[in-house]
C-alpha atoms as a PDB file:
ATOM      1  CA  MET A   1      17.197 -12.128  -6.237  1.00  0.00           C
ATOM      2  CA  MET A   2      15.101 -12.222  -3.093  1.00  0.00           C
ATOM      3  CA  VAL A   3      16.060 -10.369   0.067  1.00  0.00           C
ATOM      4  CA  SER A   4      15.077 -11.026   3.654  1.00  0.00           C
ATOM      5  CA  PRO A   5      11.773  -9.690   4.980  1.00  0.00           C
ATOM      6  CA  GLY A   6      13.743  -7.797   7.627  1.00  0.00           C
ATOM      7  CA  TYR A   7      15.723  -5.973   4.973  1.00  0.00           C
ATOM      8  CA  MET A   8      12.521  -5.183   3.070  1.00  0.00           C
ATOM      9  CA  LYS A   9      11.012  -3.771   6.255  1.00  0.00           C
ATOM     10  CA  SER A  10      13.961  -1.401   6.589  1.00  0.00           C
ATOM     11  CA  GLU A  11      13.419  -0.316   2.975  1.00  0.00           C
ATOM     12  CA  TYR A  12       9.663   0.071   3.500  1.00  0.00           C
ATOM     13  CA  LYS A  13      10.283   2.375   6.472  1.00  0.00           C
ATOM     14  CA  LYS A  14      11.899   4.861   4.063  1.00  0.00           C
ATOM     15  CA  MET A  15       8.831   4.976   1.796  1.00  0.00           C
ATOM     16  CA  THR A  16       5.913   7.382   1.809  1.00  0.00           C
ATOM     17  CA  TYR A  17       2.364   6.197   2.361  1.00  0.00           C
ATOM     18  CA  GLU A  18       1.683   6.407  -1.377  1.00  0.00           C
ATOM     19  CA  GLU A  19       4.812   4.382  -2.214  1.00  0.00           C
ATOM     20  CA  LEU A  20       3.818   1.735   0.331  1.00  0.00           C
ATOM     21  CA  ILE A  21       0.386   1.424  -1.274  1.00  0.00           C
ATOM     22  CA  LYS A  22       1.976   0.925  -4.703  1.00  0.00           C
ATOM     23  CA  GLU A  23       4.315  -1.709  -3.309  1.00  0.00           C
ATOM     24  CA  ARG A  24       1.403  -3.508  -1.652  1.00  0.00           C
ATOM     25  CA  ASP A  25      -0.547  -3.453  -4.919  1.00  0.00           C
ATOM     26  CA  ASN A  26       2.439  -4.886  -6.825  1.00  0.00           C
ATOM     27  CA  LEU A  27       2.886  -7.696  -4.298  1.00  0.00           C
ATOM     28  CA  LEU A  28      -0.807  -8.532  -4.375  1.00  0.00           C
ATOM     29  CA  ALA A  29      -0.896  -8.467  -8.186  1.00  0.00           C
ATOM     30  CA  PHE A  30       1.838 -11.102  -8.374  1.00  0.00           C
ATOM     31  CA  ILE A  31       0.173 -13.211  -5.673  1.00  0.00           C
ATOM     32  CA  LYS A  32      -3.148 -13.104  -7.532  1.00  0.00           C
ATOM     33  CA  ASP A  33      -1.498 -13.939 -10.867  1.00  0.00           C
ATOM     34  CA  PHE A  34       0.299 -16.883  -9.276  1.00  0.00           C
ATOM     35  CA  GLU A  35      -2.867 -18.194  -7.635  1.00  0.00           C
ATOM     36  CA  ASP A  36      -4.807 -17.782 -10.891  1.00  0.00           C
ATOM     37  CA  GLY A  37      -2.155 -19.678 -12.858  1.00  0.00           C
ATOM     38  CA  LYS A  38      -1.223 -16.639 -14.931  1.00  0.00           C
ATOM     39  CA  ILE A  39       2.536 -17.123 -14.573  1.00  0.00           C
ATOM     40  CA  SER A  40       4.265 -17.982 -17.849  1.00  0.00           C
ATOM     41  CA  GLU A  41       6.404 -21.070 -18.407  1.00  0.00           C
ATOM     42  CA  GLU A  42       9.390 -18.768 -18.947  1.00  0.00           C
ATOM     43  CA  ASP A  43       9.014 -17.350 -15.443  1.00  0.00           C
ATOM     44  CA  TYR A  44       9.640 -20.827 -14.056  1.00  0.00           C
ATOM     45  CA  MET A  45      13.073 -20.816 -15.739  1.00  0.00           C
ATOM     46  CA  ILE A  46      14.159 -17.849 -13.623  1.00  0.00           C
ATOM     47  CA  CYS A  47      15.751 -18.303 -10.224  1.00  0.00           C
ATOM     48  CA  PRO A  48      14.148 -17.841  -7.776  1.00  0.00           C
ATOM     49  CA  GLY A  49      11.068 -19.404  -9.278  1.00  0.00           C
ATOM     50  CA  PRO A  50       7.571 -17.995  -8.996  1.00  0.00           C
ATOM     51  CA  ASP A  51       6.751 -20.323  -6.113  1.00  0.00           C
ATOM     52  CA  VAL A  52       9.544 -18.785  -4.021  1.00  0.00           C
ATOM     53  CA  VAL A  53       8.551 -15.257  -5.070  1.00  0.00           C
ATOM     54  CA  TYR A  54       4.953 -16.074  -4.118  1.00  0.00           C
ATOM     55  CA  GLN A  55       5.989 -17.198  -0.649  1.00  0.00           C
ATOM     56  CA  MET A  56       8.344 -14.247  -0.128  1.00  0.00           C
ATOM     57  CA  ASN A  57       5.669 -11.777  -1.249  1.00  0.00           C
ATOM     58  CA  HIS A  58       3.496 -13.018   1.592  1.00  0.00           C
ATOM     59  CA  GLU A  59       6.399 -12.482   3.990  1.00  0.00           C
ATOM     60  CA  TYR A  60       6.905  -8.967   2.609  1.00  0.00           C
ATOM     61  CA  LEU A  61       3.186  -8.197   2.994  1.00  0.00           C
ATOM     62  CA  ALA A  62       3.402  -9.223   6.631  1.00  0.00           C
ATOM     63  CA  LYS A  63       6.077  -6.558   7.150  1.00  0.00           C
ATOM     64  CA  LEU A  64       4.366  -3.999   4.939  1.00  0.00           C
ATOM     65  CA  ALA A  65       0.833  -3.986   6.404  1.00  0.00           C
ATOM     66  CA  PRO A  66       1.697  -2.537   9.848  1.00  0.00           C
ATOM     67  CA  LEU A  67       3.825   0.172   8.207  1.00  0.00           C
ATOM     68  CA  ILE A  68       0.961   1.183   5.923  1.00  0.00           C
ATOM     69  CA  ALA A  69      -1.332   1.452   8.944  1.00  0.00           C
ATOM     70  CA  ARG A  70       1.225   3.546  10.846  1.00  0.00           C
ATOM     71  CA  LYS A  71       1.904   5.882   7.906  1.00  0.00           C
ATOM     72  CA  TYR A  72      -1.842   6.281   7.399  1.00  0.00           C
ATOM     73  CA  ARG A  73      -2.339   7.221  11.077  1.00  0.00           C
ATOM     74  CA  GLU A  74       0.527   9.706  10.837  1.00  0.00           C
ATOM     75  CA  LYS A  75      -0.998  11.217   7.728  1.00  0.00           C
ATOM     76  CA  MET A  76      -4.383  11.561   9.421  1.00  0.00           C
ATOM     77  CA  GLU A  77      -2.786  13.154  12.483  1.00  0.00           C
ATOM     78  CA  GLU A  78      -1.008  15.663  10.241  1.00  0.00           C
ATOM     79  CA  ALA A  79      -4.305  16.377   8.505  1.00  0.00           C
ATOM     80  CA  GLU A  80      -5.978  17.088  11.829  1.00  0.00           C
ATOM     81  CA  ASP A  81      -3.142  19.416  12.752  1.00  0.00           C
ATOM     82  CA  GLU A  82      -3.460  21.223   9.426  1.00  0.00           C
ATOM     83  CA  GLU A  83      -7.268  20.995   9.423  1.00  0.00           C
ATOM     84  CA  MET A  84      -7.182  19.114   6.120  1.00  0.00           C
ATOM     85  CA  HIS A  85      -9.684  16.443   5.214  1.00  0.00           C
ATOM     86  CA  TYR A  86      -8.925  13.137   3.518  1.00  0.00           C
ATOM     87  CA  ASP A  87     -11.066  10.416   2.018  1.00  0.00           C
ATOM     88  CA  CYS A  88     -10.774   6.776   3.069  1.00  0.00           C
ATOM     89  CA  ALA A  89      -7.936   6.224   0.554  1.00  0.00           C
ATOM     90  CA  GLY A  90      -5.888   8.964   2.176  1.00  0.00           C
ATOM     91  CA  LYS A  91      -6.311  11.435  -0.676  1.00  0.00           C
ATOM     92  CA  PRO A  92      -7.181  15.033   0.174  1.00  0.00           C
ATOM     93  CA  PHE A  93     -10.694  16.153  -0.657  1.00  0.00           C
ATOM     94  CA  PRO A  94     -10.808  18.797  -3.361  1.00  0.00           C
ATOM     95  CA  PRO A  95     -11.863  22.173  -1.903  1.00  0.00           C
ATOM     96  CA  VAL A  96     -15.135  22.073  -3.860  1.00  0.00           C
ATOM     97  CA  ILE A  97     -16.210  18.856  -2.131  1.00  0.00           C
ATOM     98  CA  LEU A  98     -15.269  20.292   1.249  1.00  0.00           C
ATOM     99  CA  GLU A  99     -17.340  23.404   0.564  1.00  0.00           C
ATOM    100  CA  GLU A 100     -20.326  21.255  -0.436  1.00  0.00           C
ATOM    101  CA  ARG A 101     -19.963  19.121   2.710  1.00  0.00           C
ATOM    102  CA  ASN A 102     -19.722  22.192   4.908  1.00  0.00           C
ATOM    103  CA  ALA A 103     -22.824  23.660   3.253  1.00  0.00           C
ATOM    104  CA  GLU A 104     -24.739  20.403   3.830  1.00  0.00           C
ATOM    105  CA  GLU A 105     -23.697  20.376   7.491  1.00  0.00           C
ATOM    106  CA  ASP A 106     -24.832  23.992   7.894  1.00  0.00           C
ATOM    107  CA  GLU A 107     -28.262  23.124   6.441  1.00  0.00           C
ATOM    108  CA  GLU A 108     -28.777  20.328   8.972  1.00  0.00           C
END
Protein backbone atom coordinates (compact mmCIF):
# COMPACT_ATOMS: atom_id res chain seq x y z
CA MET A 1 0.00 0.00 0.00
CA MET A 2 1.31 3.42 -0.94
CA VAL A 3 0.62 6.52 1.13
CA SER A 4 0.62 10.16 0.13
CA PRO A 5 3.90 12.08 0.02
CA GLY A 6 2.41 14.51 2.54
CA TYR A 7 1.80 11.72 5.01
CA MET A 8 5.33 10.41 4.46
CA LYS A 9 6.70 13.89 5.14
CA SER A 10 4.91 13.92 8.49
CA GLU A 11 6.46 10.53 9.28
CA TYR A 12 9.91 11.67 8.12
CA LYS A 13 9.74 14.67 10.47
CA LYS A 14 9.68 12.22 13.41
CA MET A 15 12.89 10.48 12.29
CA THR A 16 16.47 11.13 13.33
CA TYR A 17 19.11 12.15 10.82
CA GLU A 18 20.46 8.59 10.75
CA GLU A 19 16.98 7.13 10.15
CA LEU A 20 16.39 9.60 7.32
CA ILE A 21 19.65 8.54 5.66
CA LYS A 22 18.61 4.87 5.85
CA GLU A 23 15.22 5.68 4.37
CA ARG A 24 16.85 7.64 1.55
CA ASP A 25 19.20 4.74 0.83
CA ASN A 26 16.27 2.29 0.72
CA LEU A 27 14.32 4.50 -1.68
CA LEU A 28 17.34 4.95 -3.93
CA ALA A 29 18.11 1.21 -3.89
CA PHE A 30 14.64 0.40 -5.21
CA ILE A 31 14.84 3.17 -7.82
CA LYS A 32 18.20 1.88 -9.04
CA ASP A 33 16.96 -1.73 -9.14
CA PHE A 34 13.91 -0.66 -11.12
CA GLU A 35 15.96 1.36 -13.59
CA ASP A 36 18.44 -1.51 -13.98
CA GLY A 37 15.64 -4.00 -14.65
CA LYS A 38 16.36 -5.97 -11.49
CA ILE A 39 12.72 -6.25 -10.42
CA SER A 40 11.39 -9.81 -10.51
CA GLU A 41 8.34 -10.93 -12.48
CA GLU A 42 6.64 -11.76 -9.17
CA ASP A 43 6.93 -8.15 -8.03
CA TYR A 44 4.76 -7.14 -10.97
CA MET A 45 1.95 -9.34 -9.58
CA ILE A 46 1.78 -7.21 -6.43
CA CYS A 47 -0.43 -4.15 -6.22
CA PRO A 48 0.77 -1.45 -6.45
CA GLY A 49 3.19 -2.55 -9.11
CA PRO A 50 6.86 -1.62 -9.22
CA ASP A 51 6.18 1.18 -11.69
CA VAL A 52 3.90 2.91 -9.17
CA VAL A 53 6.37 2.29 -6.34
CA TYR A 54 9.12 3.74 -8.53
CA GLN A 55 7.14 6.91 -9.16
CA MET A 56 6.09 7.26 -5.51
CA ASN A 57 9.67 6.76 -4.32
CA HIS A 58 10.65 9.81 -6.33
CA GLU A 59 7.82 11.75 -4.69
CA TYR A 60 8.99 10.57 -1.26
CA LEU A 61 12.58 11.60 -2.04
CA ALA A 62 11.35 15.07 -2.91
CA LYS A 63 9.90 15.35 0.60
CA LEU A 64 12.83 13.63 2.27
CA ALA A 65 15.77 15.63 0.86
CA PRO A 66 14.96 18.99 2.52
CA LEU A 67 14.40 17.24 5.86
CA ILE A 68 17.78 15.52 5.65
CA ALA A 69 19.43 18.87 4.97
CA ARG A 70 17.61 20.49 7.90
CA LYS A 71 18.43 17.66 10.32
CA TYR A 72 22.06 17.78 9.19
CA ARG A 73 22.24 21.55 9.84
CA GLU A 74 20.67 21.05 13.27
CA LYS A 75 23.18 18.34 14.05
CA MET A 76 26.08 20.56 13.00
CA GLU A 77 24.73 23.44 15.09
CA GLU A 78 24.51 21.14 18.11
CA ALA A 79 28.07 20.00 17.45
CA GLU A 80 29.28 23.59 17.42
CA ASP A 81 27.47 24.22 20.69
CA GLU A 82 29.05 21.13 22.22
CA GLU A 83 32.40 21.71 20.49
CA MET A 84 32.16 18.31 18.81
CA HIS A 85 33.52 17.62 15.37
CA TYR A 86 31.83 15.59 12.65
CA ASP A 87 32.95 14.25 9.30
CA CYS A 88 31.07 14.97 6.08
CA ALA A 89 28.73 12.01 6.72
CA GLY A 90 27.68 13.48 10.05
CA LYS A 91 29.53 10.92 12.15
CA PRO A 92 31.58 12.16 15.09
CA PHE A 93 35.34 11.97 14.71
CA PRO A 94 36.96 9.52 17.10
CA PRO A 95 38.98 11.37 19.77
CA VAL A 96 42.24 9.96 18.37
CA ILE A 97 41.64 11.59 14.99
CA LEU A 98 40.77 14.88 16.67
CA GLU A 99 43.98 14.76 18.69
CA GLU A 100 46.00 14.09 15.53
CA ARG A 101 44.29 16.98 13.71
CA ASN A 102 44.90 19.33 16.61
CA ALA A 103 48.56 18.29 16.72
CA GLU A 104 48.91 18.93 12.97
CA GLU A 105 47.32 22.37 13.35
CA ASP A 106 49.70 23.21 16.20
CA GLU A 107 52.70 22.26 14.04
CA GLU A 108 51.62 24.63 11.26
